[in-house]
Amino acid sequence: MTEAAEDLKLITEAAKEAGRLAMQLREAGLETTFKEGDSPVTNADLATDALIKARLTSARPGYGWLSEETPDDPARRTRRRLFVVDPIDGTRAFIKTRPWWAVSVAVVEEGLPLAGVVYAPDLDETFQAVAGGGATLNGAPIQAGERDVIEGCGMVGDARMFTHPAWPTPWPEMRIEARNSTAYRMCVVASGAFDATLALVPKFDWDLAAADLIAREAGAYVGDHLGRPFLYNGVKPSQPSLVCAGPRLAPLILERARHIALPN
């Protein structure tokens, strides 16, 4: 087993254990507070974060750590490898017992993900990838779709964005559906269940890193709306926007989106 494959096994076990804990805590009754920006955080977010951190950092003490629910430690930038974690991506869905939430864990080396898992407990779906090894859903290989027209495509995202007046040309009719978890949105593009996802707001590294690898290993394009790939573990661990799409559809979406000027 390669080192990346060993890391994938480790992070998958931790993600599944965390997912089970989250569901147990939800069943017992959640305690919810709100962070800056009115973003909810529950006792399950914090407990799963602590569990994953304990499991992973004890097994790989030389790796750095970056997580949504842990105060940022600049020392992470001195580490060649680090774990990038969102213990519950899609907390609002989790609270409302909707299935569109996931545990997202990646191993990143020198800015690029080497291994990634996105586990959706309520759906019993486990997306996995190692760099150069392809992507799987519940152990079966997956591949992004080959659709080459936007009209009629399956777009996962916020339907309101596509009717915004900033678009010089109206978007054609599409099947647009919402999914709370950014990581899960990217994974359903990777599996071919949807053709693309687009977000013109910043996304944090923990939203993206694991699903980035999974989607690219499935043949999808992943990057920002200007066509730039992501590099993780920067001083500010975020990316300006997100396009994740099948390889033939991505250029058409990028052509429509490149003119959008986002605030710094």
Protein backbone atom coordinates (compact mmCIF):
# COMPACT_ATOMS: atom_id res chain seq x y z
CA MET A 1 0.00 0.00 0.00
CA THR A 2 1.39 3.40 -0.97
CA GLU A 3 1.78 6.18 1.59
CA ALA A 4 -1.11 8.11 0.03
CA ALA A 5 -3.30 5.00 0.12
CA GLU A 6 -2.42 4.48 3.78
CA ASP A 7 -3.38 8.09 4.47
CA LEU A 8 -6.67 7.57 2.61
CA LYS A 9 -7.47 4.55 4.78
CA LEU A 10 -6.67 6.56 7.91
CA ILE A 11 -8.76 9.61 6.99
CA THR A 12 -11.67 7.47 5.78
CA GLU A 13 -11.85 5.62 9.08
CA ALA A 14 -11.76 8.93 10.97
CA ALA A 15 -14.42 10.50 8.73
CA LYS A 16 -16.79 7.57 9.20
CA GLU A 17 -16.30 7.53 12.94
CA ALA A 18 -16.98 11.27 13.02
CA GLY A 19 -20.10 10.87 10.90
CA ARG A 20 -21.50 8.26 13.26
CA LEU A 21 -20.78 10.50 16.24
CA ALA A 22 -22.50 13.45 14.57
CA MET A 23 -25.67 11.44 13.97
CA GLN A 24 -25.67 10.17 17.57
CA LEU A 25 -25.36 13.70 18.92
CA ARG A 26 -28.11 14.95 16.63
CA GLU A 27 -30.39 12.17 17.81
CA ALA A 28 -29.70 13.17 21.43
CA GLY A 29 -30.50 16.83 20.70
CA LEU A 30 -28.14 19.47 19.36
CA GLU A 31 -26.79 22.57 21.07
CA THR A 32 -26.47 25.33 18.47
CA THR A 33 -24.71 28.70 18.57
CA PHE A 34 -23.78 31.12 15.81
CA LYS A 35 -20.39 32.27 14.57
CA GLU A 36 -19.55 35.54 12.88
CA GLY A 37 -21.60 35.90 9.71
CA ASP A 38 -24.60 34.10 11.27
CA SER A 39 -23.13 30.69 10.49
CA PRO A 40 -24.44 27.97 12.83
CA VAL A 41 -22.14 25.70 14.79
CA THR A 42 -23.33 22.81 16.92
CA ASN A 43 -21.82 20.70 19.65
CA ALA A 44 -21.58 17.98 16.99
CA ASP A 45 -19.35 20.20 14.79
CA LEU A 46 -16.99 20.69 17.70
CA ALA A 47 -17.07 17.08 18.91
CA THR A 48 -16.41 15.63 15.46
CA ASP A 49 -13.60 18.12 14.91
CA ALA A 50 -11.97 17.05 18.17
CA LEU A 51 -12.38 13.38 17.31
CA ILE A 52 -10.85 13.71 13.85
CA LYS A 53 -7.98 15.82 15.15
CA ALA A 54 -7.17 13.33 17.90
CA ARG A 55 -7.26 10.36 15.54
CA LEU A 56 -5.23 11.92 12.75
CA THR A 57 -2.62 13.95 14.59
CA SER A 58 -1.78 11.04 16.89
CA ALA A 59 -1.28 8.80 13.84
CA ARG A 60 0.65 11.43 11.86
CA PRO A 61 2.27 13.81 14.39
CA GLY A 62 4.42 15.40 11.70
CA TYR A 63 1.44 16.61 9.66
CA GLY A 64 -0.05 20.08 10.03
CA TRP A 65 -3.71 20.78 10.76
CA LEU A 66 -6.28 23.12 9.19
CA SER A 67 -9.95 22.85 10.10
CA GLU A 68 -13.02 25.05 10.05
CA GLU A 69 -13.64 24.45 13.74
CA THR A 70 -10.08 24.86 15.05
CA PRO A 71 -8.38 28.25 15.53
CA ASP A 72 -5.84 28.67 12.73
CA ASP A 73 -2.22 27.97 13.63
CA PRO A 74 0.25 29.62 11.23
CA ALA A 75 2.66 26.78 11.96
CA ARG A 76 0.67 24.73 9.45
CA ARG A 77 2.50 26.58 6.68
CA THR A 78 5.82 25.14 7.84
CA ARG A 79 4.62 21.56 7.36
CA ARG A 80 5.13 19.72 4.09
CA ARG A 81 1.90 17.81 4.63
CA LEU A 82 -1.24 18.71 6.51
CA PHE A 83 -4.78 17.56 7.12
CA VAL A 84 -7.50 19.88 5.79
CA VAL A 85 -10.82 19.16 7.48
CA ASP A 86 -14.43 20.24 7.55
CA PRO A 87 -15.98 18.02 10.23
CA ILE A 88 -19.53 18.89 9.16
CA ASP A 89 -19.81 20.62 5.79
CA GLY A 90 -23.42 21.73 5.44
CA THR A 91 -24.29 22.32 9.09
CA ARG A 92 -27.66 23.90 8.26
CA ALA A 93 -28.74 20.73 6.44
CA PHE A 94 -27.39 18.62 9.29
CA ILE A 95 -29.43 20.57 11.85
CA LYS A 96 -32.61 20.25 9.76
CA THR A 97 -32.01 16.48 9.23
CA ARG A 98 -31.62 16.98 5.51
CA PRO A 99 -29.09 14.60 3.97
CA TRP A 100 -26.93 17.15 2.13
CA TRP A 101 -24.06 17.37 4.63
CA ALA A 102 -20.73 15.60 4.71
CA VAL A 103 -17.48 15.02 6.56
CA SER A 104 -14.62 16.22 4.37
CA VAL A 105 -10.97 15.30 5.03
CA ALA A 106 -7.92 15.74 2.79
CA VAL A 107 -4.19 15.26 3.04
CA VAL A 108 -2.44 18.14 1.29
CA GLU A 109 1.24 18.17 0.33
CA GLU A 110 2.93 21.39 -0.79
CA GLY A 111 -0.39 22.93 -1.73
CA LEU A 112 -1.96 19.98 -3.56
CA PRO A 113 -4.28 17.26 -2.22
CA LEU A 114 -2.82 13.74 -2.18
CA ALA A 115 -5.74 11.87 -0.60
CA GLY A 116 -9.33 12.86 0.03
CA VAL A 117 -12.57 11.50 1.43
CA VAL A 118 -16.04 13.03 1.51
CA TYR A 119 -18.46 10.98 3.58
CA ALA A 120 -22.20 11.72 3.54
CA PRO A 121 -23.53 9.71 6.52
CA ASP A 122 -27.28 10.17 5.96
CA LEU A 123 -26.88 8.93 2.38
CA ASP A 124 -24.30 6.23 3.19
CA GLU A 125 -22.08 7.61 0.41
CA THR A 126 -18.29 7.60 0.62
CA PHE A 127 -16.35 9.40 -2.09
CA GLN A 128 -12.60 8.74 -2.14
CA ALA A 129 -9.50 9.47 -4.20
CA VAL A 130 -5.73 9.37 -4.13
CA ALA A 131 -3.65 11.40 -6.56
CA GLY A 132 -3.20 9.44 -9.77
CA GLY A 133 -5.47 6.62 -8.61
CA GLY A 134 -8.91 7.63 -9.86
CA ALA A 135 -12.01 8.34 -7.78
CA THR A 136 -14.64 6.07 -6.28
CA LEU A 137 -18.10 6.14 -4.72
CA ASN A 138 -18.62 3.33 -2.19
CA GLY A 139 -15.66 1.56 -3.78
CA ALA A 140 -16.87 1.73 -7.39
CA PRO A 141 -15.05 3.94 -9.95
CA ILE A 142 -16.77 7.18 -10.93
CA GLN A 143 -16.37 9.50 -13.90
CA ALA A 144 -17.58 13.03 -14.55
CA GLY A 145 -20.09 13.45 -17.35
CA GLU A 146 -19.27 14.35 -20.96
CA ARG A 147 -22.09 16.81 -21.58
CA ASP A 148 -20.99 19.58 -23.97
CA VAL A 149 -23.95 22.01 -23.89
CA ILE A 150 -25.16 24.14 -21.00
CA GLU A 151 -28.83 24.04 -21.96
CA GLY A 152 -30.54 21.26 -20.06
CA CYS A 153 -27.52 20.44 -17.93
CA GLY A 154 -27.71 19.46 -14.28
CA MET A 155 -26.36 22.39 -12.25
CA VAL A 156 -26.04 22.10 -8.48
CA GLY A 157 -26.04 25.48 -6.75
CA ASP A 158 -28.07 28.59 -5.95
CA ALA A 159 -30.70 29.19 -8.63
CA ARG A 160 -30.85 32.91 -7.75
CA MET A 161 -27.28 33.45 -8.94
CA PHE A 162 -28.13 32.50 -12.51
CA THR A 163 -30.80 35.21 -12.78
CA HIS A 164 -28.57 37.99 -11.40
CA PRO A 165 -28.46 41.10 -13.65
CA ALA A 166 -24.64 40.94 -13.82
CA TRP A 167 -24.91 38.29 -16.53
CA PRO A 168 -24.83 39.99 -19.96
CA THR A 169 -26.42 36.96 -21.60
CA PRO A 170 -29.17 35.02 -19.84
CA TRP A 171 -28.34 31.46 -18.88
CA PRO A 172 -30.28 28.81 -20.80
CA GLU A 173 -32.75 26.62 -19.01
CA MET A 174 -31.02 24.16 -16.69
CA ARG A 175 -31.97 21.65 -14.01
CA ILE A 176 -30.79 23.51 -10.92
CA GLU A 177 -30.86 21.88 -7.49
CA ALA A 178 -29.45 22.99 -4.14
CA ARG A 179 -27.08 21.00 -1.94
CA ASN A 180 -25.81 22.60 1.27
CA SER A 181 -22.36 21.01 1.35
CA THR A 182 -19.88 22.46 -1.13
CA ALA A 183 -17.81 19.28 -0.97
CA TYR A 184 -20.87 17.16 -1.71
CA ARG A 185 -21.82 19.38 -4.67
CA MET A 186 -18.42 18.73 -6.20
CA CYS A 187 -18.70 15.01 -5.57
CA VAL A 188 -22.03 14.68 -7.36
CA VAL A 189 -20.36 16.36 -10.34
CA ALA A 190 -17.52 13.85 -10.03
CA SER A 191 -20.00 10.97 -10.07
CA GLY A 192 -21.90 12.30 -13.10
CA ALA A 193 -25.15 12.80 -11.15
CA PHE A 194 -24.82 16.51 -12.00
CA ASP A 195 -22.85 18.22 -14.74
CA ALA A 196 -21.49 21.27 -12.91
CA THR A 197 -21.46 23.51 -9.87
CA LEU A 198 -20.63 27.22 -9.83
CA ALA A 199 -20.12 29.61 -6.92
CA LEU A 200 -18.96 33.22 -7.26
CA VAL A 201 -18.19 33.70 -3.59
CA PRO A 202 -15.05 32.71 -1.66
CA LYS A 203 -14.72 29.13 -0.51
CA PHE A 204 -12.40 27.97 2.23
CA ASP A 205 -9.77 25.29 1.73
CA TRP A 206 -11.66 22.92 4.02
CA ASP A 207 -14.74 23.22 1.77
CA LEU A 208 -12.74 22.21 -1.29
CA ALA A 209 -9.55 20.21 -0.82
CA ALA A 210 -10.89 16.65 -0.54
CA ALA A 211 -13.60 17.10 -3.19
CA ASP A 212 -11.15 18.89 -5.49
CA LEU A 213 -9.02 15.76 -5.70
CA ILE A 214 -12.05 13.48 -6.05
CA ALA A 215 -13.52 15.56 -8.88
CA ARG A 216 -10.24 15.94 -10.78
CA GLU A 217 -9.49 12.23 -10.45
CA ALA A 218 -12.95 11.62 -11.94
CA GLY A 219 -11.99 13.79 -14.93
CA ALA A 220 -13.72 17.04 -13.97
CA TYR A 221 -12.33 20.56 -14.14
CA VAL A 222 -11.84 22.22 -10.74
CA GLY A 223 -10.69 25.82 -10.30
CA ASP A 224 -11.84 29.39 -10.00
CA HIS A 225 -14.03 31.27 -12.50
CA LEU A 226 -10.94 32.69 -14.23
CA GLY A 227 -9.65 29.22 -15.03
CA ARG A 228 -6.98 29.05 -12.33
CA PRO A 229 -6.41 25.83 -10.35
CA PHE A 230 -6.41 25.89 -6.57
CA LEU A 231 -3.32 25.88 -4.38
CA TYR A 232 -3.99 25.11 -0.73
CA ASN A 233 -2.42 26.06 2.60
CA GLY A 234 -1.84 29.72 1.78
CA VAL A 235 -1.65 32.51 4.34
CA LYS A 236 -5.37 33.00 3.83
CA PRO A 237 -6.81 29.50 3.37
CA SER A 238 -9.50 30.35 0.84
CA GLN A 239 -10.19 30.50 -2.89
CA PRO A 240 -12.03 33.32 -4.71
CA SER A 241 -14.72 31.27 -6.45
CA LEU A 242 -15.53 27.77 -7.64
CA VAL A 243 -16.18 26.08 -10.94
CA CYS A 244 -16.42 22.29 -10.95
CA ALA A 245 -17.70 20.77 -14.16
CA GLY A 246 -17.31 17.97 -16.63
CA PRO A 247 -14.35 18.42 -18.99
CA ARG A 248 -16.40 19.41 -22.04
CA LEU A 249 -18.80 21.68 -20.17
CA ALA A 250 -16.22 23.57 -18.11
CA PRO A 251 -14.88 25.76 -20.97
CA LEU A 252 -18.41 26.92 -21.75
CA ILE A 253 -19.05 27.91 -18.14
CA LEU A 254 -15.68 29.64 -17.86
CA GLU A 255 -16.41 31.60 -21.03
CA ARG A 256 -19.60 32.94 -19.44
CA ALA A 257 -18.02 33.68 -16.05
CA ARG A 258 -14.59 35.15 -16.84
CA HIS A 259 -15.90 38.71 -17.11
CA ILE A 260 -17.22 38.73 -13.52
CA ALA A 261 -15.07 40.97 -11.32
CA LEU A 262 -15.20 39.80 -7.72
CA PRO A 263 -14.20 41.97 -4.73
CA ASN A 264 -10.77 41.21 -3.28
